[in-house]
N, C-alpha and C. Protein backbone atom coordinates (compact mmCIF):
# COMPACT_ATOMS: atom_id res chain seq x y z
N MET A 1 -9.92 2.37 28.18
CA MET A 1 -9.13 1.38 27.48
C MET A 1 -9.73 1.12 26.10
N LEU A 2 -11.01 1.13 25.94
CA LEU A 2 -11.61 0.92 24.64
C LEU A 2 -11.36 2.02 23.67
N LYS A 3 -11.29 3.23 24.21
CA LYS A 3 -10.93 4.45 23.29
C LYS A 3 -9.50 4.28 22.78
N ILE A 4 -8.57 3.82 23.65
CA ILE A 4 -7.25 3.65 23.18
C ILE A 4 -7.13 2.55 22.06
N LEU A 5 -7.91 1.48 22.29
CA LEU A 5 -7.89 0.43 21.34
C LEU A 5 -8.43 0.87 19.98
N ILE A 6 -9.51 1.64 20.11
CA ILE A 6 -10.14 2.21 18.80
C ILE A 6 -9.15 3.12 18.11
N PHE A 7 -8.51 3.99 18.87
CA PHE A 7 -7.57 4.95 18.33
C PHE A 7 -6.42 4.15 17.69
N VAL A 8 -5.89 3.19 18.26
CA VAL A 8 -4.73 2.37 17.73
C VAL A 8 -5.21 1.70 16.43
N ALA A 9 -6.40 1.12 16.40
CA ALA A 9 -6.95 0.42 15.15
C ALA A 9 -7.18 1.47 14.07
N ALA A 10 -7.65 2.57 14.36
CA ALA A 10 -7.87 3.64 13.31
C ALA A 10 -6.49 4.10 12.74
N GLY A 11 -5.52 4.27 13.69
CA GLY A 11 -4.21 4.69 13.24
C GLY A 11 -3.58 3.55 12.31
N PHE A 12 -3.68 2.33 12.65
CA PHE A 12 -3.21 1.30 11.88
C PHE A 12 -3.81 1.19 10.49
N LEU A 13 -5.25 1.35 10.39
CA LEU A 13 -5.93 1.37 9.23
C LEU A 13 -5.43 2.57 8.26
N LEU A 14 -5.24 3.69 8.82
CA LEU A 14 -4.74 4.90 8.17
C LEU A 14 -3.33 4.62 7.58
N TYR A 15 -2.52 4.01 8.45
CA TYR A 15 -1.19 3.67 7.96
C TYR A 15 -1.22 2.72 6.80
N LYS A 16 -1.99 1.73 6.90
CA LYS A 16 -2.12 0.82 5.77
C LYS A 16 -2.62 1.41 4.52
N LEU A 17 -3.56 2.26 4.61
CA LEU A 17 -4.04 2.94 3.45
C LEU A 17 -3.01 3.82 2.77
N VAL A 18 -2.19 4.55 3.53
CA VAL A 18 -1.17 5.40 2.97
C VAL A 18 -0.05 4.57 2.40
N THR A 19 0.48 3.59 3.07
CA THR A 19 1.55 2.74 2.58
C THR A 19 1.12 1.83 1.43
N GLY A 20 -0.08 1.34 1.61
CA GLY A 20 -0.58 0.41 0.48
C GLY A 20 -0.70 1.18 -0.85
N GLY A 21 -1.04 2.41 -0.84
CA GLY A 21 -1.24 3.24 -2.04
C GLY A 21 0.17 3.43 -2.74
N LYS A 22 1.18 3.68 -1.91
CA LYS A 22 2.54 3.84 -2.48
C LYS A 22 2.99 2.53 -3.12
N ARG A 23 2.81 1.46 -2.48
CA ARG A 23 3.20 0.16 -3.06
C ARG A 23 2.51 -0.17 -4.31
N GLN A 24 1.16 0.12 -4.34
CA GLN A 24 0.41 -0.15 -5.53
C GLN A 24 0.85 0.77 -6.66
N LYS A 25 1.14 1.96 -6.46
CA LYS A 25 1.65 2.85 -7.50
C LYS A 25 2.98 2.37 -8.05
N ALA A 26 3.86 1.89 -7.24
CA ALA A 26 5.13 1.33 -7.65
C ALA A 26 4.92 0.10 -8.48
N VAL A 27 4.05 -0.76 -8.16
CA VAL A 27 3.81 -1.91 -8.96
C VAL A 27 3.12 -1.56 -10.27
N GLN A 28 2.23 -0.59 -10.32
CA GLN A 28 1.66 -0.17 -11.58
C GLN A 28 2.69 0.53 -12.50
N LYS A 29 3.63 1.30 -11.91
CA LYS A 29 4.70 1.89 -12.67
C LYS A 29 5.58 0.88 -13.31
N GLU A 30 5.91 -0.21 -12.56
CA GLU A 30 6.76 -1.30 -13.01
C GLU A 30 6.10 -1.96 -14.18
N LYS A 31 4.82 -2.25 -14.10
CA LYS A 31 4.09 -2.88 -15.09
C LYS A 31 4.04 -2.06 -16.36
N ALA A 32 3.78 -0.78 -16.18
CA ALA A 32 3.74 0.13 -17.33
C ALA A 32 5.10 0.07 -18.09
N GLU A 33 6.22 0.13 -17.35
CA GLU A 33 7.50 0.09 -17.99
C GLU A 33 7.73 -1.23 -18.75
N GLU A 34 7.29 -2.34 -18.17
CA GLU A 34 7.39 -3.68 -18.75
C GLU A 34 6.58 -3.67 -20.07
N THR A 35 5.38 -3.13 -20.01
CA THR A 35 4.56 -3.01 -21.20
C THR A 35 5.16 -2.19 -22.36
N LEU A 36 5.76 -1.11 -21.99
CA LEU A 36 6.38 -0.22 -22.98
C LEU A 36 7.60 -0.90 -23.58
N ALA A 37 8.35 -1.65 -22.68
CA ALA A 37 9.54 -2.35 -23.18
C ALA A 37 9.12 -3.47 -24.12
N ALA A 38 8.02 -4.13 -23.76
CA ALA A 38 7.60 -5.23 -24.63
C ALA A 38 7.12 -4.73 -26.01
N SER A 39 6.56 -3.50 -25.99
CA SER A 39 6.04 -2.93 -27.26
C SER A 39 7.16 -2.34 -28.06
N GLY A 40 8.40 -2.22 -27.53
CA GLY A 40 9.55 -1.66 -28.24
C GLY A 40 9.70 -0.22 -28.11
N GLU A 41 8.88 0.52 -27.29
CA GLU A 41 9.00 1.89 -27.15
C GLU A 41 10.12 2.25 -26.26
N MET A 42 10.49 1.32 -25.34
CA MET A 42 11.56 1.57 -24.36
C MET A 42 12.55 0.40 -24.45
N VAL A 43 13.83 0.74 -24.18
CA VAL A 43 14.86 -0.28 -24.17
C VAL A 43 15.61 -0.22 -22.89
N LYS A 44 16.25 -1.29 -22.58
CA LYS A 44 17.07 -1.38 -21.27
C LYS A 44 18.45 -0.83 -21.45
N ASP A 45 18.82 -0.01 -20.52
CA ASP A 45 20.19 0.54 -20.45
C ASP A 45 21.09 -0.63 -20.11
N PRO A 46 22.10 -0.90 -20.96
CA PRO A 46 22.96 -1.99 -20.81
C PRO A 46 23.79 -1.99 -19.59
N VAL A 47 23.98 -0.86 -18.94
CA VAL A 47 24.81 -0.71 -17.80
C VAL A 47 24.06 -0.97 -16.50
N CYS A 48 23.02 -0.15 -16.28
CA CYS A 48 22.34 -0.16 -15.05
C CYS A 48 20.92 -0.86 -15.08
N GLY A 49 20.47 -1.13 -16.31
CA GLY A 49 19.22 -1.87 -16.45
C GLY A 49 17.98 -1.02 -16.34
N THR A 50 18.14 0.27 -16.33
CA THR A 50 16.97 1.16 -16.33
C THR A 50 16.33 1.21 -17.68
N TYR A 51 14.99 1.30 -17.83
CA TYR A 51 14.30 1.39 -19.11
C TYR A 51 14.30 2.90 -19.48
N VAL A 52 14.73 3.15 -20.75
CA VAL A 52 14.79 4.46 -21.29
C VAL A 52 14.06 4.50 -22.67
N PRO A 53 13.53 5.68 -23.01
CA PRO A 53 12.88 5.71 -24.35
C PRO A 53 13.77 5.30 -25.49
N LYS A 54 13.27 4.62 -26.49
CA LYS A 54 14.08 4.18 -27.60
C LYS A 54 14.74 5.37 -28.36
N ASP A 55 14.11 6.51 -28.34
CA ASP A 55 14.67 7.71 -28.98
C ASP A 55 15.41 8.60 -27.99
N ALA A 56 16.10 8.00 -27.04
CA ALA A 56 16.79 8.76 -26.09
C ALA A 56 17.98 9.59 -26.67
N ASP A 57 18.33 10.62 -26.01
CA ASP A 57 19.38 11.53 -26.57
C ASP A 57 20.82 10.90 -26.36
N ILE A 58 20.97 10.11 -25.39
CA ILE A 58 22.31 9.58 -25.11
C ILE A 58 22.39 8.15 -25.67
N ARG A 59 23.16 8.07 -26.84
CA ARG A 59 23.23 6.84 -27.52
C ARG A 59 24.78 6.62 -27.94
N VAL A 60 24.94 5.22 -28.16
CA VAL A 60 26.26 4.82 -28.74
C VAL A 60 26.01 3.84 -29.83
N ARG A 61 26.59 4.03 -30.91
CA ARG A 61 26.46 3.03 -31.98
C ARG A 61 27.57 2.06 -32.00
N ASP A 62 27.27 0.79 -31.91
CA ASP A 62 28.25 -0.28 -31.86
C ASP A 62 28.00 -1.15 -33.01
N GLY A 63 28.65 -0.88 -34.15
CA GLY A 63 28.39 -1.61 -35.38
C GLY A 63 26.99 -1.30 -35.86
N ASP A 64 26.18 -2.28 -36.01
CA ASP A 64 24.81 -2.09 -36.53
C ASP A 64 23.86 -1.79 -35.30
N LYS A 65 24.32 -1.99 -34.09
CA LYS A 65 23.42 -1.88 -32.92
C LYS A 65 23.55 -0.56 -32.26
N VAL A 66 22.53 0.08 -31.81
CA VAL A 66 22.53 1.33 -31.12
C VAL A 66 22.08 1.10 -29.67
N HIS A 67 22.92 1.56 -28.75
CA HIS A 67 22.66 1.43 -27.30
C HIS A 67 22.21 2.74 -26.81
N CYS A 68 21.09 2.73 -26.05
CA CYS A 68 20.58 3.99 -25.41
C CYS A 68 20.86 3.95 -23.94
N PHE A 69 21.12 5.08 -23.35
CA PHE A 69 21.59 5.19 -21.95
C PHE A 69 20.72 6.20 -21.18
N CYS A 70 20.60 5.97 -19.87
CA CYS A 70 19.80 6.83 -19.01
C CYS A 70 20.59 8.04 -18.55
N SER A 71 21.95 7.98 -18.62
CA SER A 71 22.76 9.08 -18.20
C SER A 71 24.14 9.10 -18.92
N TYR A 72 24.82 10.12 -18.79
CA TYR A 72 26.25 10.12 -19.37
C TYR A 72 27.18 9.33 -18.59
N ASP A 73 26.86 9.11 -17.26
CA ASP A 73 27.75 8.26 -16.44
C ASP A 73 27.65 6.80 -16.92
N CYS A 74 26.40 6.33 -17.25
CA CYS A 74 26.20 4.94 -17.75
C CYS A 74 27.01 4.84 -19.04
N ARG A 75 26.82 5.84 -19.95
CA ARG A 75 27.34 5.80 -21.32
C ARG A 75 28.96 5.68 -21.07
N ASP A 76 29.52 6.50 -20.19
CA ASP A 76 30.92 6.45 -20.04
C ASP A 76 31.41 5.18 -19.48
N LYS A 77 30.65 4.54 -18.56
CA LYS A 77 31.01 3.19 -18.05
C LYS A 77 30.96 2.19 -19.18
N TYR A 78 30.04 2.27 -20.09
CA TYR A 78 29.91 1.30 -21.19
C TYR A 78 31.15 1.50 -22.12
N LEU A 79 31.48 2.77 -22.37
CA LEU A 79 32.61 3.00 -23.36
C LEU A 79 33.92 2.48 -22.67
N LYS A 80 34.06 2.64 -21.37
CA LYS A 80 35.27 2.07 -20.76
C LYS A 80 35.37 0.60 -20.81
N GLN A 81 34.25 -0.03 -20.64
CA GLN A 81 34.21 -1.54 -20.72
C GLN A 81 34.46 -1.91 -22.16
N ALA A 82 33.97 -1.21 -23.10
CA ALA A 82 34.16 -1.55 -24.45
C ALA A 82 35.62 -1.40 -24.87
N LYS A 83 36.31 -0.33 -24.37
CA LYS A 83 37.69 -0.16 -24.65
C LYS A 83 38.58 -1.28 -23.99
N ALA A 84 38.15 -1.67 -22.81
CA ALA A 84 38.90 -2.75 -22.08
C ALA A 84 38.75 -4.07 -22.92
N VAL A 85 37.53 -4.40 -23.45
CA VAL A 85 37.32 -5.56 -24.10
C VAL A 85 38.07 -5.54 -25.45
N GLU A 86 38.15 -4.36 -26.21
CA GLU A 86 38.91 -4.24 -27.37
C GLU A 86 40.43 -4.39 -27.08
N GLY A 87 40.95 -3.82 -26.00
CA GLY A 87 42.35 -3.93 -25.63
C GLY A 87 42.69 -5.37 -25.40
N GLU A 88 41.86 -6.14 -24.77
CA GLU A 88 42.16 -7.60 -24.55
C GLU A 88 42.11 -8.39 -25.86
N LYS A 89 41.26 -8.02 -26.77
CA LYS A 89 41.17 -8.76 -28.03
C LYS A 89 42.43 -8.54 -28.91
N GLU A 90 43.05 -7.36 -28.79
CA GLU A 90 44.18 -6.98 -29.60
C GLU A 90 45.43 -7.80 -29.12
N LYS A 91 45.42 -8.15 -27.82
CA LYS A 91 46.59 -8.80 -27.31
C LYS A 91 46.80 -10.22 -27.83
């Protein structure tokens, strides 16, 4: 009985070590992204909210403002929304 209890405790500790490391890495990555965003090196995608580099390849100029996107899908969604808003303003 004691051997089983020790085995279960060791398994639980090993599980906590493995899953705790993944969680800690995710938290560190999120903090790093927030730091880069605060410094101005990364900007938030206006559609999905993902942080992308300020000099990303997928961009749309809207007057004086430049929007950066994580993917072409997000860019296309943004352009559709912009067309819809323009169409409503013209009416």
